[in-house]
Amino acid sequence: MKTRRDWMLCALATAAGLPAWADDAAWPSKPIRLIAGAPGSITEIRARWLAQRLAQALGQSVVVEGNSSAGGNVGAQQVAHSAADGYTLLMIHQGTAAINPHVYAKPGYDTLRDFAPITRFGHGNLLLTVPSESPATSVAELIRWAKSRPGALNYGSPGIGTPPHVAGEMFVRLAGIDAAHIPYKGGGALMTALLGGQLTWSMEGLTAQLPHVKSGRLRPLAVTGARRSGALPEVPTLAEAGVPGYEFEGWTGIAAPSGTPSAVIARLHAEIVRLVDTTEARDWFAAAGAEPGLLSPDAFSQFIRDEHDKLGKVIRAAGIRAE
């Protein structure tokens, strides 16, 4: 039963143009759905970690639903067109937010209009690697090799329009080289080809590549972000290694449908910040070569806009289109 204070808060929420259930005392009153990626993907792993802890904090179940169809577009559409009541959330990521809108003719949603960003939830470097038998022992040597044999070298990705594909195109263009892109059906097939020497290089997440780096089967040449990775502190950034201006990071975050009450957004943000401000969380991200990288709703919204514009330029210049 609501107390007099609860009714007063509800009245204030209504007067401010928010539904009465936006008050923390009333929301959430039923399970929350968190739409994520395919089982085993970074987005799904992070979604499940968060869902378990967020459920305890909110006192309601947070159910993770995987939907990676059309590069994540179907899941993003589902959330974009859901009721803006705080009960459907999206594990948004670089692909759905900043790449797919430029790669797909009709993604079915508008990144900058249809979502209410809550916070970034994990970001980190991709890793540029070559097979251990490669003659290239540095980025400079790889670039010289590519320039000496225009079009003869290649690089792989888990598919057309994936973050590793866009990161590879950015490298090709900023380094001034000519190399063929070979798309595979997923990260497993990509790693098999790279380890088998069928590719000159690739850019993938640290989680997928670290075991092979540690075993000596892959040679790390550079990380793609603005800072070195704590998991491989001796490996330079691409900018440090001779490609000025290069910066590319993989990231995930949490978003709700546009129009979700600000009280709900603020509550979710505060709970996530509290959950991540722990040694357990920092260690969990670090083990995957990533960082929490939380942002305020406003800062995350601007971050998405910047990524949308930056990667859109690369995609248009490279002519990347979904097949």
Protein backbone atom coordinates (compact mmCIF):
# COMPACT_ATOMS: atom_id res chain seq x y z
CA MET A 1 0.00 0.00 0.00
CA LYS A 2 1.29 3.43 -0.87
CA THR A 3 2.06 5.83 1.97
CA ARG A 4 1.05 9.47 1.94
CA ARG A 5 4.62 10.29 0.85
CA ASP A 6 4.35 7.85 -2.07
CA TRP A 7 1.11 9.46 -3.26
CA MET A 8 2.71 12.91 -3.02
CA LEU A 9 5.69 11.76 -5.10
CA CYS A 10 3.34 10.26 -7.68
CA ALA A 11 1.44 13.52 -7.85
CA LEU A 12 4.67 15.44 -8.36
CA ALA A 13 5.74 13.03 -11.11
CA THR A 14 2.40 13.47 -12.86
CA ALA A 15 2.65 17.24 -12.56
CA ALA A 16 6.10 17.08 -14.14
CA GLY A 17 4.68 15.19 -17.10
CA LEU A 18 5.87 11.74 -15.98
CA PRO A 19 3.63 8.71 -15.42
CA ALA A 20 3.01 8.00 -11.74
CA TRP A 21 4.89 4.68 -11.99
CA ALA A 22 8.08 6.59 -12.76
CA ASP A 23 8.48 7.08 -9.00
CA ASP A 24 11.10 4.70 -7.65
CA ALA A 25 8.53 3.33 -5.21
CA ALA A 26 6.41 2.03 -8.10
CA TRP A 27 9.00 1.14 -10.72
CA PRO A 28 9.82 -1.61 -11.40
CA SER A 29 6.71 -3.59 -10.55
CA LYS A 30 7.29 -6.44 -13.04
CA PRO A 31 10.20 -8.19 -14.78
CA ILE A 32 12.45 -6.23 -17.14
CA ARG A 33 13.60 -7.51 -20.52
CA LEU A 34 17.17 -6.83 -21.66
CA ILE A 35 17.65 -7.49 -25.37
CA ALA A 36 21.22 -8.56 -26.15
CA GLY A 37 23.23 -10.37 -28.81
CA ALA A 38 23.78 -14.00 -29.67
CA PRO A 39 24.66 -16.48 -26.90
CA GLY A 40 28.36 -16.24 -26.13
CA SER A 41 28.79 -12.81 -27.72
CA ILE A 42 30.35 -9.94 -25.76
CA THR A 43 26.99 -8.17 -25.57
CA GLU A 44 25.24 -11.27 -24.24
CA ILE A 45 27.97 -12.04 -21.69
CA ARG A 46 27.90 -8.48 -20.36
CA ALA A 47 24.10 -8.44 -20.38
CA ARG A 48 23.93 -11.58 -18.23
CA TRP A 49 26.52 -10.28 -15.77
CA LEU A 50 24.57 -7.05 -15.39
CA ALA A 51 21.11 -8.67 -15.34
CA GLN A 52 21.94 -10.92 -12.41
CA ARG A 53 23.13 -8.03 -10.26
CA LEU A 54 20.58 -5.48 -11.44
CA ALA A 55 17.76 -7.87 -10.56
CA GLN A 56 18.99 -8.00 -6.98
CA ALA A 57 19.27 -4.22 -6.83
CA LEU A 58 15.82 -3.56 -8.31
CA GLY A 59 13.93 -6.43 -6.71
CA GLN A 60 12.61 -7.66 -10.06
CA SER A 61 13.84 -10.22 -12.56
CA VAL A 62 15.90 -8.93 -15.46
CA VAL A 63 15.51 -11.40 -18.30
CA VAL A 64 18.16 -11.45 -21.03
CA GLU A 65 16.82 -12.20 -24.51
CA GLY A 66 19.30 -12.87 -27.29
CA ASN A 67 18.54 -11.48 -30.72
CA SER A 68 21.42 -11.02 -33.14
CA SER A 69 19.45 -11.23 -36.40
CA ALA A 70 20.56 -8.85 -39.17
CA GLY A 71 23.63 -7.78 -37.23
CA GLY A 72 21.55 -6.89 -34.18
CA ASN A 73 19.05 -4.80 -36.14
CA VAL A 74 16.04 -6.95 -35.22
CA GLY A 75 16.72 -6.65 -31.49
CA ALA A 76 17.31 -2.91 -31.81
CA GLN A 77 14.03 -2.54 -33.74
CA GLN A 78 12.24 -4.48 -31.04
CA VAL A 79 13.40 -2.08 -28.36
CA ALA A 80 12.98 1.06 -30.47
CA HIS A 81 9.30 0.23 -30.99
CA SER A 82 8.58 -1.00 -27.46
CA ALA A 83 6.62 0.95 -24.86
CA ALA A 84 8.76 3.61 -23.21
CA ASP A 85 7.95 2.34 -19.73
CA GLY A 86 11.32 1.13 -18.48
CA TYR A 87 10.53 -2.57 -18.93
CA THR A 88 12.38 -3.16 -22.20
CA LEU A 89 16.09 -2.29 -22.47
CA LEU A 90 18.72 -2.79 -25.14
CA MET A 91 22.33 -3.84 -24.83
CA ILE A 92 23.31 -1.37 -27.50
CA HIS A 93 26.73 -1.61 -29.09
CA GLN A 94 28.94 -0.07 -31.71
CA GLY A 95 27.38 -2.15 -34.46
CA THR A 96 23.74 -1.32 -33.80
CA ALA A 97 24.40 2.31 -32.86
CA ALA A 98 27.13 3.55 -35.18
CA ILE A 99 27.74 1.03 -37.98
CA ASN A 100 24.48 -0.63 -39.04
CA PRO A 101 22.64 2.64 -39.73
CA HIS A 102 25.19 3.30 -42.50
CA VAL A 103 25.62 -0.28 -43.73
CA TYR A 104 21.97 -1.34 -44.02
CA ALA A 105 19.61 0.49 -46.36
CA LYS A 106 16.72 0.09 -43.88
CA PRO A 107 17.91 -0.90 -40.38
CA GLY A 108 14.40 -0.32 -39.03
CA TYR A 109 15.33 2.26 -36.40
CA ASP A 110 17.00 5.64 -36.04
CA THR A 111 19.93 5.52 -33.63
CA LEU A 112 19.79 9.22 -32.82
CA ARG A 113 16.02 9.43 -32.43
CA ASP A 114 14.67 6.11 -31.15
CA PHE A 115 16.77 5.44 -28.03
CA ALA A 116 17.35 6.99 -24.62
CA PRO A 117 20.99 6.20 -23.76
CA ILE A 118 21.57 5.24 -20.13
CA THR A 119 25.31 4.51 -19.90
CA ARG A 120 28.19 2.94 -21.72
CA PHE A 121 28.93 -0.44 -20.17
CA GLY A 122 32.33 -1.69 -21.24
CA HIS A 123 34.80 -0.55 -23.86
CA GLY A 124 38.17 -1.75 -25.03
CA ASN A 125 40.72 -2.17 -27.75
CA LEU A 126 40.68 -4.43 -30.72
CA LEU A 127 44.02 -6.11 -31.36
CA LEU A 128 45.90 -6.11 -34.66
CA THR A 129 47.62 -9.48 -34.98
CA VAL A 130 49.46 -11.51 -37.60
CA PRO A 131 50.26 -15.25 -37.61
CA SER A 132 53.45 -16.02 -35.74
CA GLU A 133 55.15 -17.06 -39.03
CA SER A 134 54.50 -13.64 -40.59
CA PRO A 135 57.55 -11.65 -41.72
CA ALA A 136 55.96 -8.52 -40.22
CA THR A 137 57.15 -7.94 -36.66
CA SER A 138 55.82 -4.39 -36.39
CA VAL A 139 53.11 -2.17 -37.85
CA ALA A 140 55.76 -0.30 -39.85
CA GLU A 141 56.95 -3.56 -41.41
CA LEU A 142 53.38 -4.61 -42.20
CA ILE A 143 52.73 -1.29 -43.95
CA ARG A 144 55.97 -1.51 -45.94
CA TRP A 145 55.11 -5.06 -46.96
CA ALA A 146 51.62 -4.03 -48.08
CA LYS A 147 52.95 -1.05 -50.06
CA SER A 148 55.48 -3.27 -51.82
CA ARG A 149 52.68 -5.61 -52.95
CA PRO A 150 49.55 -3.52 -53.60
CA GLY A 151 46.41 -5.64 -53.35
CA ALA A 152 48.29 -8.86 -52.58
CA LEU A 153 47.80 -8.87 -48.81
CA ASN A 154 44.49 -9.44 -47.04
CA TYR A 155 42.76 -9.06 -43.72
CA GLY A 156 39.75 -10.81 -42.25
CA SER A 157 36.67 -9.99 -40.22
CA PRO A 158 33.69 -11.90 -38.77
CA GLY A 159 31.51 -10.46 -41.52
CA ILE A 160 30.73 -7.46 -43.70
CA GLY A 161 29.98 -4.38 -41.65
CA THR A 162 31.21 -5.80 -38.34
CA PRO A 163 33.39 -3.61 -36.11
CA PRO A 164 36.59 -5.51 -37.10
CA HIS A 165 35.74 -4.86 -40.77
CA VAL A 166 35.27 -1.14 -40.19
CA ALA A 167 38.41 -1.01 -38.02
CA GLY A 168 40.34 -2.73 -40.81
CA GLU A 169 39.10 -0.28 -43.42
CA MET A 170 40.09 2.61 -41.20
CA PHE A 171 43.60 1.15 -40.93
CA VAL A 172 43.87 0.58 -44.69
CA ARG A 173 42.87 4.16 -45.43
CA LEU A 174 44.94 5.92 -42.79
CA ALA A 175 48.00 3.77 -43.57
CA GLY A 176 47.61 4.40 -47.30
CA ILE A 177 47.74 0.74 -48.33
CA ASP A 178 45.74 -1.55 -50.61
CA ALA A 179 44.58 -4.86 -49.11
CA ALA A 180 41.66 -7.21 -49.70
CA HIS A 181 38.97 -7.73 -47.08
CA ILE A 182 37.91 -11.37 -46.50
CA PRO A 183 34.64 -11.72 -44.55
CA TYR A 184 33.90 -14.88 -42.59
CA LYS A 185 30.76 -16.19 -40.95
CA GLY A 186 31.62 -15.40 -37.37
CA GLY A 187 34.65 -15.00 -35.16
CA GLY A 188 35.40 -18.72 -34.90
CA ALA A 189 35.86 -19.12 -38.65
CA LEU A 190 37.94 -15.94 -38.73
CA MET A 191 40.31 -17.19 -36.02
CA THR A 192 40.68 -20.54 -37.77
CA ALA A 193 41.70 -18.80 -41.01
CA LEU A 194 44.10 -16.43 -39.27
CA LEU A 195 45.78 -19.20 -37.29
CA GLY A 196 45.99 -21.28 -40.46
CA GLY A 197 47.92 -18.54 -42.26
CA GLN A 198 45.15 -17.80 -44.77
CA LEU A 199 45.08 -14.14 -43.71
CA THR A 200 47.82 -11.54 -43.49
CA TRP A 201 46.31 -9.87 -40.44
CA SER A 202 43.11 -9.26 -38.54
CA MET A 203 41.66 -6.95 -35.93
CA GLU A 204 39.52 -8.68 -33.34
CA GLY A 205 38.73 -8.30 -29.66
CA LEU A 206 41.31 -9.19 -27.04
CA THR A 207 39.08 -11.89 -25.55
CA ALA A 208 39.18 -13.92 -28.76
CA GLN A 209 42.89 -13.45 -29.41
CA LEU A 210 44.68 -13.37 -26.07
CA PRO A 211 44.83 -17.18 -25.68
CA HIS A 212 46.52 -17.46 -29.09
CA VAL A 213 48.89 -14.59 -28.31
CA LYS A 214 49.88 -16.27 -25.05
CA SER A 215 50.40 -19.60 -26.81
CA GLY A 216 52.65 -17.91 -29.38
CA ARG A 217 50.46 -18.68 -32.39
CA LEU A 218 49.60 -15.02 -33.02
CA ARG A 219 51.90 -12.00 -32.89
CA PRO A 220 50.34 -8.79 -31.56
CA LEU A 221 51.42 -5.66 -33.42
CA ALA A 222 49.18 -2.94 -32.00
CA VAL A 223 45.96 -2.12 -30.20
CA THR A 224 43.39 0.11 -31.85
CA GLY A 225 42.36 2.47 -29.06
CA ALA A 226 43.75 5.72 -27.74
CA ARG A 227 45.51 3.96 -24.85
CA ARG A 228 47.43 0.74 -24.45
CA SER A 229 45.68 -2.25 -22.93
CA GLY A 230 46.39 -3.34 -19.38
CA ALA A 231 46.27 -6.91 -20.65
CA LEU A 232 49.16 -6.26 -23.10
CA PRO A 233 50.92 -3.12 -21.84
CA GLU A 234 53.97 -3.71 -24.03
CA VAL A 235 51.92 -3.53 -27.25
CA PRO A 236 51.70 0.00 -28.70
CA THR A 237 48.62 1.74 -29.99
CA LEU A 238 48.34 2.08 -33.77
CA ALA A 239 48.88 5.81 -33.41
CA GLU A 240 52.10 5.15 -31.50
CA ALA A 241 53.14 2.54 -34.06
CA GLY A 242 53.05 4.97 -36.97
CA VAL A 243 49.41 5.54 -37.98
CA PRO A 244 48.63 9.05 -36.66
CA GLY A 245 45.00 9.75 -35.90
CA TYR A 246 43.97 6.11 -35.66
CA GLU A 247 41.54 5.39 -32.81
CA PHE A 248 38.91 2.66 -32.72
CA GLU A 249 37.41 0.88 -29.73
CA GLY A 250 34.73 -1.73 -29.34
CA TRP A 251 32.01 -0.82 -26.84
CA THR A 252 28.63 -1.80 -25.43
CA GLY A 253 26.06 0.13 -23.43
CA ILE A 254 22.52 0.22 -22.08
CA ALA A 255 19.67 2.10 -23.72
CA ALA A 256 15.89 2.32 -23.42
CA PRO A 257 13.23 3.39 -25.92
CA SER A 258 13.11 7.11 -26.55
CA GLY A 259 10.63 8.79 -24.22
CA THR A 260 11.37 6.57 -21.23
CA PRO A 261 10.82 8.76 -18.13
CA SER A 262 13.90 10.54 -16.88
CA ALA A 263 13.29 9.16 -13.38
CA VAL A 264 13.63 5.61 -14.70
CA ILE A 265 16.77 6.49 -16.70
CA ALA A 266 18.30 8.13 -13.62
CA ARG A 267 17.48 5.13 -11.40
CA LEU A 268 18.98 2.65 -13.85
CA HIS A 269 22.09 4.75 -14.29
CA ALA A 270 22.60 5.12 -10.54
CA GLU A 271 22.16 1.39 -9.93
CA ILE A 272 24.59 0.44 -12.70
CA VAL A 273 27.19 2.90 -11.42
CA ARG A 274 26.87 1.41 -7.94
CA LEU A 275 27.17 -2.15 -9.26
CA VAL A 276 30.24 -1.38 -11.34
CA ASP A 277 32.04 0.60 -8.62
CA THR A 278 33.47 -2.58 -7.13
CA THR A 279 36.73 -4.46 -7.33
CA GLU A 280 34.83 -7.49 -8.62
CA ALA A 281 33.46 -5.54 -11.59
CA ARG A 282 36.77 -3.88 -12.46
CA ASP A 283 38.58 -7.23 -12.31
CA TRP A 284 35.87 -8.86 -14.43
CA PHE A 285 36.24 -6.26 -17.18
CA ALA A 286 40.04 -6.31 -16.96
CA ALA A 287 40.13 -10.10 -17.42
CA ALA A 288 38.50 -9.53 -20.82
CA GLY A 289 40.90 -6.72 -21.74
CA ALA A 290 38.25 -4.05 -21.23
CA GLU A 291 37.21 -1.28 -18.84
CA PRO A 292 33.76 -0.32 -17.48
CA GLY A 293 33.93 3.16 -19.05
CA LEU A 294 30.64 4.36 -17.59
CA LEU A 295 29.19 7.63 -18.88
CA SER A 296 26.29 9.80 -17.78
CA PRO A 297 23.15 9.58 -19.97
CA ASP A 298 23.97 12.94 -21.60
CA ALA A 299 27.63 12.05 -22.14
CA PHE A 300 26.70 8.63 -23.55
CA SER A 301 24.23 10.26 -25.92
CA GLN A 302 26.95 12.58 -27.24
CA PHE A 303 29.40 9.68 -27.44
CA ILE A 304 26.95 7.75 -29.64
CA ARG A 305 26.47 10.77 -31.90
CA ASP A 306 30.24 11.16 -32.28
CA GLU A 307 30.70 7.45 -33.08
CA HIS A 308 27.78 7.55 -35.53
CA ASP A 309 29.37 10.43 -37.43
CA LYS A 310 32.97 9.17 -37.28
CA LEU A 311 32.29 5.62 -38.42
CA GLY A 312 29.74 6.75 -40.98
CA LYS A 313 32.50 8.63 -42.81
CA VAL A 314 34.71 5.52 -42.92
CA ILE A 315 31.84 3.32 -44.12
CA ARG A 316 30.80 5.71 -46.89
CA ALA A 317 34.39 6.18 -48.06
CA ALA A 318 34.93 2.40 -48.17
CA GLY A 319 31.54 1.71 -49.76
CA ILE A 320 30.63 -0.90 -47.16
CA ARG A 321 27.10 -2.24 -47.69
CA ALA A 322 25.30 -5.23 -46.24
CA GLU A 323 24.83 -8.07 -48.71
